[in-house]
Amino acid sequence: MIKLRSAMVLPLVAALAAACSKTPEPTATSAPEPPAANTGAAPAPTTQAPKPAHPGGQQAAGAELAWDAPASFESAPNPNAMRKATYKIKRAAGDTEDAELSVMPAGGSVDANITRWVGQFSQKSDDSPKRTDLKVNDIKVAVVEIKGTFAGSGMPGMPAGEPKSSYAMLGAIAETPSGDLWFFKMTGPEKTVTGARADFDKLLNSLRLK
């Protein structure tokens, strides 16, 4: 009996030894994905930097015209919706009033408007009116200078203002390439208006399209 049991145990031990000596098969695992190819840095957002405003430049809302107002022209509130800009020019020594420059869009023709402006003066001086035609940045500009007694530029149906002697007007009509007209009209005591002529010309020479 002892021999039989030994014969049965030996094969069992051999089988267990063989099982332990086998190398375990590797467990299947998902392979890691390869790193994405480097296609270069992502482009920065293309945001366009705003253009700097022209120094001292002003432009009417919705208009295609812009200009630079000299420092001597003090901005003032517009008296009505038609005005796009209003400036006060400090009176010269000896004058009793400041001059005013109004800016607004206009209708009609250049010549008809100049004729109307001239008609606002009576007893005009011998050297007025004077007209000069310019072209600034593709904008036609007609400039007129009138001196005399100013009867006012009252609206139709409104009473005329009190006549003012020794007055002057520097008026410019700017015509854009699209045919729109703009008034730049300065009125005031003659000495004040004459003294502001250089700055008025600077404003006109700064006219430009948007």
Protein backbone atom coordinates (compact mmCIF):
# COMPACT_ATOMS: atom_id res chain seq x y z
CA MET A 1 0.00 0.00 0.00
CA ILE A 2 2.84 2.33 0.75
CA LYS A 3 4.34 1.78 -2.69
CA LEU A 4 0.99 2.42 -4.39
CA ARG A 5 0.53 5.69 -2.59
CA SER A 6 4.05 6.73 -3.55
CA ALA A 7 3.32 5.93 -7.17
CA MET A 8 0.22 8.14 -7.09
CA VAL A 9 1.90 11.00 -5.28
CA LEU A 10 4.91 11.27 -7.57
CA PRO A 11 2.94 12.03 -10.77
CA LEU A 12 0.86 14.60 -8.87
CA VAL A 13 3.97 16.37 -7.59
CA ALA A 14 5.44 16.39 -11.09
CA ALA A 15 2.28 17.92 -12.50
CA LEU A 16 2.27 20.66 -9.92
CA ALA A 17 5.92 21.44 -10.57
CA ALA A 18 5.31 21.67 -14.30
CA ALA A 19 2.39 24.04 -13.76
CA CYS A 20 4.45 26.30 -11.56
CA SER A 21 7.29 26.45 -14.08
CA LYS A 22 5.10 27.82 -16.92
CA THR A 23 5.55 31.54 -17.69
CA PRO A 24 2.21 33.37 -17.38
CA GLU A 25 0.90 34.87 -20.61
CA PRO A 26 0.86 38.67 -20.67
CA THR A 27 -2.44 40.36 -20.07
CA ALA A 28 -3.70 42.39 -23.07
CA THR A 29 -3.76 46.10 -22.32
CA SER A 30 -4.70 49.01 -24.52
CA ALA A 31 -1.61 50.68 -25.96
CA PRO A 32 -1.19 54.39 -25.09
CA GLU A 33 -2.07 56.73 -27.90
CA PRO A 34 0.94 58.37 -29.52
CA PRO A 35 1.36 62.07 -28.70
CA ALA A 36 -0.25 64.44 -31.18
CA ALA A 37 2.11 65.82 -33.75
CA ASN A 38 3.26 69.35 -32.98
CA THR A 39 1.77 71.54 -35.68
CA GLY A 40 3.16 74.75 -34.28
CA ALA A 41 1.78 77.23 -31.80
CA ALA A 42 -1.85 78.21 -32.22
CA PRO A 43 -2.16 81.59 -33.95
CA ALA A 44 -3.02 84.51 -31.72
CA PRO A 45 -6.51 85.98 -32.16
CA THR A 46 -6.48 88.52 -34.95
CA THR A 47 -7.89 91.53 -33.18
CA GLN A 48 -7.28 94.77 -35.00
CA ALA A 49 -5.98 97.52 -32.77
CA PRO A 50 -8.02 100.72 -33.00
CA LYS A 51 -6.43 103.51 -34.95
CA PRO A 52 -5.43 106.47 -32.84
CA ALA A 53 -7.64 109.49 -33.24
CA HIS A 54 -6.26 112.44 -35.09
CA PRO A 55 -5.04 114.93 -32.47
CA GLY A 56 -7.79 117.42 -31.73
CA GLY A 57 -9.91 115.92 -34.47
CA GLN A 58 -13.68 116.19 -34.38
CA GLN A 59 -16.23 114.63 -36.60
CA ALA A 60 -19.98 114.76 -36.78
CA ALA A 61 -21.88 111.60 -35.96
CA GLY A 62 -22.81 109.75 -39.11
CA ALA A 63 -20.91 112.19 -41.29
CA GLU A 64 -18.08 111.44 -43.67
CA LEU A 65 -16.21 114.63 -42.83
CA ALA A 66 -13.68 115.24 -40.04
CA TRP A 67 -11.55 118.21 -39.02
CA ASP A 68 -9.24 119.57 -36.33
CA ALA A 69 -10.41 122.47 -34.19
CA PRO A 70 -7.66 124.90 -33.11
CA ALA A 71 -7.11 125.33 -29.39
CA SER A 72 -8.38 128.91 -29.60
CA PHE A 73 -11.80 127.64 -30.72
CA GLU A 74 -13.73 126.76 -27.58
CA SER A 75 -16.36 124.06 -28.06
CA ALA A 76 -19.88 125.13 -27.06
CA PRO A 77 -23.29 123.41 -26.90
CA ASN A 78 -25.19 123.18 -30.17
CA PRO A 79 -28.36 125.31 -30.07
CA ASN A 80 -30.32 122.93 -32.29
CA ALA A 81 -30.24 119.48 -33.89
CA MET A 82 -29.01 120.85 -37.21
CA ARG A 83 -25.69 121.98 -35.72
CA LYS A 84 -22.93 119.39 -35.63
CA ALA A 85 -20.42 121.64 -33.87
CA THR A 86 -20.33 125.11 -32.34
CA TYR A 87 -17.23 127.06 -31.30
CA LYS A 88 -16.74 130.33 -29.47
CA ILE A 89 -13.82 132.58 -30.43
CA LYS A 90 -12.73 134.92 -27.67
CA ARG A 91 -13.29 138.59 -28.49
CA ALA A 92 -10.37 140.77 -29.47
CA ALA A 93 -9.43 143.80 -27.39
CA GLY A 94 -11.99 146.54 -27.91
CA ASP A 95 -14.75 144.23 -29.22
CA THR A 96 -17.87 143.73 -27.12
CA GLU A 97 -18.79 140.22 -28.26
CA ASP A 98 -17.18 136.88 -28.97
CA ALA A 99 -17.34 135.43 -32.46
CA GLU A 100 -19.11 132.15 -33.17
CA LEU A 101 -18.31 129.38 -35.64
CA SER A 102 -21.12 127.02 -36.58
CA VAL A 103 -20.75 123.73 -38.46
CA MET A 104 -23.68 121.99 -40.11
CA PRO A 105 -24.68 120.03 -43.21
CA ALA A 106 -26.40 122.06 -45.89
CA GLY A 107 -28.53 121.82 -48.98
CA GLY A 108 -28.75 123.84 -52.17
CA SER A 109 -25.83 124.88 -54.34
CA VAL A 110 -22.55 126.47 -53.33
CA ASP A 111 -23.20 129.67 -55.29
CA ALA A 112 -26.76 130.07 -54.01
CA ASN A 113 -25.63 129.77 -50.41
CA ILE A 114 -22.82 132.28 -50.86
CA THR A 115 -25.27 134.72 -52.45
CA ARG A 116 -27.56 134.30 -49.44
CA TRP A 117 -24.68 134.96 -47.05
CA VAL A 118 -23.70 138.12 -48.89
CA GLY A 119 -27.32 139.26 -48.66
CA GLN A 120 -27.14 139.08 -44.87
CA PHE A 121 -24.84 142.13 -44.91
CA SER A 122 -25.73 145.69 -45.74
CA GLN A 123 -23.31 148.57 -46.28
CA LYS A 124 -20.54 146.16 -47.17
CA SER A 125 -16.97 147.39 -47.16
CA ASP A 126 -15.30 148.14 -50.47
CA ASP A 127 -13.11 145.02 -50.31
CA SER A 128 -15.92 142.54 -49.71
CA PRO A 129 -17.05 140.02 -50.52
CA LYS A 130 -13.91 138.05 -51.31
CA ARG A 131 -14.10 134.46 -52.52
CA THR A 132 -11.35 131.84 -52.66
CA ASP A 133 -11.72 128.28 -53.94
CA LEU A 134 -9.55 125.51 -52.49
CA LYS A 135 -9.22 121.75 -52.66
CA VAL A 136 -8.23 119.91 -49.48
CA ASN A 137 -7.90 116.10 -49.49
CA ASP A 138 -10.31 115.71 -52.43
CA ILE A 139 -12.78 118.09 -50.77
CA LYS A 140 -13.76 121.25 -52.64
CA VAL A 141 -13.89 124.28 -50.36
CA ALA A 142 -15.31 127.69 -51.27
CA VAL A 143 -14.30 130.41 -48.80
CA VAL A 144 -15.96 133.82 -48.64
CA GLU A 145 -15.07 136.83 -46.48
CA ILE A 146 -17.67 139.56 -45.95
CA LYS A 147 -17.43 142.77 -43.91
CA GLY A 148 -20.03 145.40 -43.13
CA THR A 149 -23.28 145.66 -41.20
CA PHE A 150 -24.62 142.23 -40.34
CA ALA A 151 -28.40 141.94 -40.45
CA GLY A 152 -28.44 138.43 -38.99
CA SER A 153 -29.14 135.02 -40.43
CA GLY A 154 -32.65 134.55 -39.09
CA MET A 155 -34.65 131.54 -40.21
CA PRO A 156 -37.48 132.10 -42.72
CA GLY A 157 -40.52 133.50 -40.95
CA MET A 158 -38.46 134.71 -37.99
CA PRO A 159 -37.87 138.41 -37.35
CA ALA A 160 -34.46 139.70 -38.36
CA GLY A 161 -32.02 140.48 -35.60
CA GLU A 162 -30.75 143.93 -34.78
CA PRO A 163 -28.18 145.08 -37.39
CA LYS A 164 -24.61 145.00 -36.11
CA SER A 165 -22.06 147.34 -37.66
CA SER A 166 -18.37 146.58 -38.07
CA TYR A 167 -19.12 142.88 -38.31
CA ALA A 168 -17.53 140.21 -40.46
CA MET A 169 -18.16 136.70 -41.68
CA LEU A 170 -15.72 133.99 -42.66
CA GLY A 171 -17.76 131.33 -44.38
CA ALA A 172 -16.63 128.11 -46.01
CA ILE A 173 -18.69 125.55 -47.89
CA ALA A 174 -17.04 122.14 -48.10
CA GLU A 175 -18.25 119.79 -50.81
CA THR A 176 -17.37 116.10 -50.40
CA PRO A 177 -16.79 113.81 -53.40
CA SER A 178 -20.29 112.42 -52.88
CA GLY A 179 -21.74 115.94 -53.30
CA ASP A 180 -22.67 116.62 -49.67
CA LEU A 181 -22.25 120.23 -48.52
CA TRP A 182 -21.04 121.39 -45.12
CA PHE A 183 -21.08 124.95 -43.74
CA PHE A 184 -18.27 126.35 -41.60
CA LYS A 185 -19.57 129.82 -40.80
CA MET A 186 -17.89 132.29 -38.44
CA THR A 187 -19.57 135.58 -37.60
CA GLY A 188 -18.65 138.24 -35.08
CA PRO A 189 -17.03 141.65 -34.62
CA GLU A 190 -14.69 142.42 -37.49
CA LYS A 191 -11.52 142.63 -35.40
CA THR A 192 -12.21 139.29 -33.71
CA VAL A 193 -13.07 137.49 -36.94
CA THR A 194 -10.09 138.96 -38.80
CA GLY A 195 -7.79 137.94 -35.96
CA ALA A 196 -9.08 134.36 -36.13
CA ARG A 197 -8.47 134.01 -39.87
CA ALA A 198 -5.24 132.02 -39.50
CA ASP A 199 -6.85 129.46 -37.19
CA PHE A 200 -9.90 129.28 -39.43
CA ASP A 201 -7.64 128.44 -42.36
CA LYS A 202 -5.90 125.77 -40.26
CA LEU A 203 -9.25 124.13 -39.59
CA LEU A 204 -10.11 124.14 -43.28
CA ASN A 205 -6.74 122.67 -44.20
CA SER A 206 -7.37 119.79 -41.78
CA LEU A 207 -10.60 118.73 -43.49
CA ARG A 208 -10.55 115.07 -44.46
CA LEU A 209 -12.84 112.17 -45.21
CA LYS A 210 -13.36 109.42 -42.67
